[in-house]
Amino acid sequence: MALNSLIEIRQRDAGADAGGQPLKTFNTVVASLWAEIRHPSGVEQVRAGAQVSVVQASIKVRRRDGITPGMRAVHGSAVYDIRAVLPDEIERINMFLVCDRLP
């Protein structure tokens, strides 16, 4: 498949709220990249006493420094939490972002 989806990689905004807690917003854009997004699986989980669906995704992008777990990938209205960054050991020009899609 081709890298045919334009995504933004965002990091958590620096700073704290009025209560001293770290900000929970991700507005700082680290990069805009062409990507291939695949949804290989989804699972049902119980979180905080409620059943939720978790859609997992693998996002293939060109290899790039500075993308780390904890950042987010945004494609249109879809938002993905990046859980892991894996190198492509075969072609060595790409990397894979292992993500959970946020509801």
N, C-alpha and C. Protein backbone atom coordinates (compact mmCIF):
# COMPACT_ATOMS: atom_id res chain seq x y z
N MET A 1 0.83 -1.19 0.00
CA MET A 1 0.00 0.00 0.00
C MET A 1 0.88 1.26 0.00
N ALA A 2 0.27 2.34 -0.41
CA ALA A 2 0.99 3.60 -0.51
C ALA A 2 0.81 4.46 0.74
N LEU A 3 1.74 5.36 0.92
CA LEU A 3 1.61 6.35 1.99
C LEU A 3 0.69 7.44 1.44
N ASN A 4 -0.63 7.29 1.70
CA ASN A 4 -1.61 8.17 1.06
C ASN A 4 -2.51 8.93 2.03
N SER A 5 -2.17 8.92 3.30
CA SER A 5 -2.95 9.64 4.31
C SER A 5 -2.04 10.65 5.00
N LEU A 6 -2.43 11.92 4.97
CA LEU A 6 -1.63 12.96 5.61
C LEU A 6 -2.01 13.02 7.09
N ILE A 7 -1.02 12.85 7.97
CA ILE A 7 -1.25 12.88 9.41
C ILE A 7 -0.40 13.98 10.04
N GLU A 8 -0.81 14.39 11.23
CA GLU A 8 0.00 15.28 12.05
C GLU A 8 0.44 14.50 13.28
N ILE A 9 1.70 14.66 13.64
CA ILE A 9 2.21 14.11 14.90
C ILE A 9 2.20 15.26 15.90
N ARG A 10 1.54 15.06 17.02
CA ARG A 10 1.42 16.11 18.04
C ARG A 10 1.99 15.63 19.37
N GLN A 11 2.55 16.57 20.11
CA GLN A 11 3.04 16.25 21.45
C GLN A 11 2.22 17.00 22.49
N ARG A 12 2.29 16.51 23.71
CA ARG A 12 1.53 17.13 24.81
C ARG A 12 2.07 18.55 25.02
N ASP A 13 1.14 19.49 25.23
CA ASP A 13 1.53 20.87 25.47
C ASP A 13 2.25 20.98 26.81
N ALA A 14 3.25 21.81 26.86
CA ALA A 14 4.02 22.03 28.09
C ALA A 14 3.22 22.91 29.04
N GLY A 15 3.52 22.79 30.31
CA GLY A 15 2.88 23.64 31.30
C GLY A 15 1.93 22.87 32.18
N ALA A 16 1.24 23.63 33.03
CA ALA A 16 0.32 23.04 34.00
C ALA A 16 -0.94 23.89 34.07
N ASP A 17 -2.03 23.25 34.53
CA ASP A 17 -3.28 23.99 34.70
C ASP A 17 -3.26 24.74 36.03
N ALA A 18 -4.36 25.38 36.38
CA ALA A 18 -4.43 26.18 37.61
C ALA A 18 -4.20 25.33 38.86
N GLY A 19 -4.52 24.04 38.78
CA GLY A 19 -4.31 23.15 39.93
C GLY A 19 -2.92 22.54 39.98
N GLY A 20 -2.05 22.90 39.05
CA GLY A 20 -0.69 22.38 39.03
C GLY A 20 -0.54 21.05 38.30
N GLN A 21 -1.62 20.56 37.70
CA GLN A 21 -1.57 19.29 36.96
C GLN A 21 -1.05 19.55 35.54
N PRO A 22 -0.28 18.59 34.98
CA PRO A 22 0.20 18.78 33.60
C PRO A 22 -0.99 18.92 32.64
N LEU A 23 -0.80 19.75 31.62
CA LEU A 23 -1.85 19.94 30.62
C LEU A 23 -2.12 18.63 29.90
N LYS A 24 -3.37 18.42 29.52
CA LYS A 24 -3.76 17.19 28.82
C LYS A 24 -4.10 17.47 27.36
N THR A 25 -3.60 18.57 26.83
CA THR A 25 -3.88 18.93 25.44
C THR A 25 -2.68 18.60 24.56
N PHE A 26 -2.97 18.29 23.31
CA PHE A 26 -1.95 17.93 22.33
C PHE A 26 -2.11 18.84 21.10
N ASN A 27 -1.66 20.07 21.20
CA ASN A 27 -1.83 21.02 20.11
C ASN A 27 -0.53 21.32 19.38
N THR A 28 0.61 20.98 19.97
CA THR A 28 1.90 21.29 19.37
C THR A 28 2.21 20.28 18.28
N VAL A 29 2.27 20.74 17.04
CA VAL A 29 2.53 19.86 15.90
C VAL A 29 4.04 19.66 15.75
N VAL A 30 4.47 18.41 15.82
CA VAL A 30 5.88 18.05 15.66
C VAL A 30 6.20 17.87 14.17
N ALA A 31 5.26 17.27 13.43
CA ALA A 31 5.51 16.98 12.01
C ALA A 31 4.20 16.70 11.30
N SER A 32 4.18 16.95 10.00
CA SER A 32 3.10 16.49 9.11
C SER A 32 3.73 15.48 8.17
N LEU A 33 3.16 14.28 8.12
CA LEU A 33 3.77 13.18 7.38
C LEU A 33 2.73 12.45 6.55
N TRP A 34 3.17 11.88 5.44
CA TRP A 34 2.32 10.96 4.69
C TRP A 34 2.45 9.59 5.33
N ALA A 35 1.32 8.90 5.43
CA ALA A 35 1.28 7.64 6.17
C ALA A 35 0.34 6.64 5.51
N GLU A 36 0.53 5.40 5.90
CA GLU A 36 -0.40 4.32 5.57
C GLU A 36 -0.99 3.85 6.89
N ILE A 37 -2.30 3.92 7.03
CA ILE A 37 -2.97 3.57 8.29
C ILE A 37 -3.71 2.26 8.11
N ARG A 38 -3.43 1.32 8.98
CA ARG A 38 -4.13 0.02 8.97
C ARG A 38 -4.73 -0.22 10.35
N HIS A 39 -5.89 -0.87 10.34
CA HIS A 39 -6.58 -1.23 11.57
C HIS A 39 -6.66 -2.76 11.65
N PRO A 40 -5.60 -3.40 12.14
CA PRO A 40 -5.59 -4.87 12.14
C PRO A 40 -6.52 -5.51 13.16
N SER A 41 -6.87 -4.78 14.24
CA SER A 41 -7.72 -5.43 15.24
C SER A 41 -8.42 -4.41 16.13
N GLY A 42 -9.40 -4.91 16.83
CA GLY A 42 -10.10 -4.14 17.84
C GLY A 42 -10.47 -5.09 18.97
N VAL A 43 -10.55 -4.57 20.17
CA VAL A 43 -10.87 -5.40 21.32
C VAL A 43 -11.86 -4.67 22.22
N GLU A 44 -12.56 -5.44 23.02
CA GLU A 44 -13.45 -4.88 24.04
C GLU A 44 -12.71 -4.96 25.37
N GLN A 45 -12.73 -3.86 26.12
CA GLN A 45 -12.09 -3.83 27.43
C GLN A 45 -13.03 -3.18 28.43
N VAL A 46 -12.76 -3.44 29.71
CA VAL A 46 -13.49 -2.77 30.76
C VAL A 46 -12.53 -1.77 31.39
N ARG A 47 -12.92 -0.50 31.34
CA ARG A 47 -12.13 0.58 31.93
C ARG A 47 -13.03 1.39 32.83
N ALA A 48 -12.60 1.57 34.05
CA ALA A 48 -13.36 2.34 35.05
C ALA A 48 -14.79 1.83 35.16
N GLY A 49 -14.94 0.51 35.08
CA GLY A 49 -16.24 -0.11 35.26
C GLY A 49 -17.15 -0.09 34.05
N ALA A 50 -16.67 0.45 32.93
CA ALA A 50 -17.50 0.51 31.72
C ALA A 50 -16.80 -0.23 30.59
N GLN A 51 -17.59 -0.91 29.77
CA GLN A 51 -17.02 -1.62 28.63
C GLN A 51 -16.79 -0.64 27.49
N VAL A 52 -15.59 -0.67 26.93
CA VAL A 52 -15.25 0.23 25.83
C VAL A 52 -14.59 -0.57 24.71
N SER A 53 -14.72 -0.08 23.50
CA SER A 53 -14.06 -0.70 22.36
C SER A 53 -12.74 0.01 22.12
N VAL A 54 -11.67 -0.77 21.90
CA VAL A 54 -10.37 -0.20 21.60
C VAL A 54 -9.99 -0.67 20.20
N VAL A 55 -9.82 0.29 19.30
CA VAL A 55 -9.39 -0.02 17.94
C VAL A 55 -7.89 0.21 17.87
N GLN A 56 -7.17 -0.84 17.50
CA GLN A 56 -5.72 -0.73 17.39
C GLN A 56 -5.37 -0.42 15.95
N ALA A 57 -4.27 0.32 15.78
CA ALA A 57 -3.84 0.72 14.44
C ALA A 57 -2.34 0.60 14.32
N SER A 58 -1.91 0.37 13.09
CA SER A 58 -0.49 0.41 12.74
C SER A 58 -0.36 1.49 11.67
N ILE A 59 0.47 2.48 11.96
CA ILE A 59 0.66 3.59 11.03
C ILE A 59 2.10 3.55 10.52
N LYS A 60 2.23 3.38 9.21
CA LYS A 60 3.54 3.31 8.57
C LYS A 60 3.91 4.69 8.04
N VAL A 61 5.09 5.19 8.43
CA VAL A 61 5.59 6.48 7.96
C VAL A 61 7.06 6.33 7.59
N ARG A 62 7.60 7.31 6.89
CA ARG A 62 9.04 7.32 6.63
C ARG A 62 9.77 7.50 7.94
N ARG A 63 10.91 6.86 8.07
CA ARG A 63 11.71 6.93 9.29
C ARG A 63 12.05 8.38 9.60
N ARG A 64 11.89 8.75 10.88
CA ARG A 64 12.11 10.13 11.30
C ARG A 64 12.45 10.14 12.78
N ASP A 65 13.42 10.95 13.16
CA ASP A 65 13.78 11.12 14.57
C ASP A 65 12.74 11.99 15.26
N GLY A 66 12.60 11.81 16.56
CA GLY A 66 11.78 12.69 17.36
C GLY A 66 10.36 12.24 17.63
N ILE A 67 9.93 11.14 17.04
CA ILE A 67 8.59 10.61 17.32
C ILE A 67 8.73 9.56 18.42
N THR A 68 7.97 9.74 19.50
CA THR A 68 8.11 8.86 20.66
C THR A 68 6.74 8.41 21.17
N PRO A 69 6.72 7.31 21.92
CA PRO A 69 5.47 6.91 22.56
C PRO A 69 4.96 8.05 23.45
N GLY A 70 3.64 8.17 23.53
CA GLY A 70 3.05 9.25 24.32
C GLY A 70 2.60 10.41 23.45
N MET A 71 3.10 10.49 22.23
CA MET A 71 2.63 11.51 21.29
C MET A 71 1.34 11.01 20.66
N ARG A 72 0.74 11.83 19.83
CA ARG A 72 -0.49 11.46 19.14
C ARG A 72 -0.34 11.67 17.64
N ALA A 73 -1.04 10.82 16.89
CA ALA A 73 -1.14 10.98 15.44
C ALA A 73 -2.59 11.37 15.15
N VAL A 74 -2.78 12.38 14.31
CA VAL A 74 -4.11 12.87 13.99
C VAL A 74 -4.31 12.80 12.48
N HIS A 75 -5.41 12.14 12.08
CA HIS A 75 -5.77 12.06 10.66
C HIS A 75 -7.23 12.46 10.54
N GLY A 76 -7.48 13.67 10.06
CA GLY A 76 -8.85 14.17 10.01
C GLY A 76 -9.41 14.26 11.42
N SER A 77 -10.53 13.60 11.66
CA SER A 77 -11.13 13.59 13.00
C SER A 77 -10.66 12.41 13.84
N ALA A 78 -9.85 11.53 13.25
CA ALA A 78 -9.35 10.36 13.99
C ALA A 78 -8.08 10.73 14.76
N VAL A 79 -8.07 10.36 16.04
CA VAL A 79 -6.92 10.64 16.90
C VAL A 79 -6.40 9.32 17.44
N TYR A 80 -5.08 9.13 17.36
CA TYR A 80 -4.44 7.90 17.78
C TYR A 80 -3.38 8.18 18.84
N ASP A 81 -3.41 7.44 19.94
CA ASP A 81 -2.33 7.49 20.94
C ASP A 81 -1.21 6.58 20.45
N ILE A 82 0.00 7.12 20.37
CA ILE A 82 1.14 6.31 19.94
C ILE A 82 1.66 5.54 21.15
N ARG A 83 1.61 4.20 21.08
CA ARG A 83 2.05 3.32 22.17
C ARG A 83 3.49 2.85 22.00
N ALA A 84 3.92 2.67 20.74
CA ALA A 84 5.28 2.20 20.47
C ALA A 84 5.70 2.67 19.09
N VAL A 85 7.01 2.84 18.91
CA VAL A 85 7.60 3.21 17.62
C VAL A 85 8.57 2.10 17.25
N LEU A 86 8.27 1.41 16.14
CA LEU A 86 9.06 0.25 15.73
C LEU A 86 9.74 0.50 14.39
N PRO A 87 11.04 0.22 14.29
CA PRO A 87 11.72 0.39 13.00
C PRO A 87 11.33 -0.71 12.03
N ASP A 88 11.38 -0.41 10.75
CA ASP A 88 11.17 -1.41 9.70
C ASP A 88 12.53 -2.02 9.41
N GLU A 89 12.77 -3.21 9.91
CA GLU A 89 14.07 -3.85 9.79
C GLU A 89 14.32 -4.45 8.41
N ILE A 90 13.31 -4.50 7.56
CA ILE A 90 13.48 -5.07 6.23
C ILE A 90 13.91 -4.01 5.23
N GLU A 91 13.07 -2.97 5.05
CA GLU A 91 13.40 -1.92 4.08
C GLU A 91 14.29 -0.84 4.66
N ARG A 92 14.22 -0.62 5.98
CA ARG A 92 15.02 0.36 6.71
C ARG A 92 14.79 1.82 6.31
N ILE A 93 13.68 2.10 5.62
CA ILE A 93 13.37 3.49 5.29
C ILE A 93 12.08 3.94 5.96
N ASN A 94 11.37 3.01 6.58
CA ASN A 94 10.10 3.31 7.23
C ASN A 94 10.16 2.98 8.71
N MET A 95 9.10 3.35 9.41
CA MET A 95 8.90 2.90 10.79
C MET A 95 7.41 2.77 11.00
N PHE A 96 7.04 2.03 12.04
CA PHE A 96 5.64 1.75 12.33
C PHE A 96 5.28 2.34 13.69
N LEU A 97 4.16 3.04 13.73
CA LEU A 97 3.64 3.58 14.97
C LEU A 97 2.50 2.67 15.42
N VAL A 98 2.68 2.01 16.55
CA VAL A 98 1.65 1.13 17.11
C VAL A 98 0.75 2.01 17.97
N CYS A 99 -0.54 2.06 17.62
CA CYS A 99 -1.44 3.04 18.22
C CYS A 99 -2.76 2.43 18.69
N ASP A 100 -3.42 3.16 19.57
CA ASP A 100 -4.82 2.93 19.93
C ASP A 100 -5.60 4.14 19.46
N ARG A 101 -6.71 3.90 18.75
CA ARG A 101 -7.55 5.01 18.29
C ARG A 101 -8.43 5.46 19.43
N LEU A 102 -8.47 6.75 19.68
CA LEU A 102 -9.29 7.30 20.75
C LEU A 102 -10.74 7.36 20.28
N PRO A 103 -11.69 7.12 21.21
CA PRO A 103 -13.11 7.18 20.84
C PRO A 103 -13.55 8.61 20.52
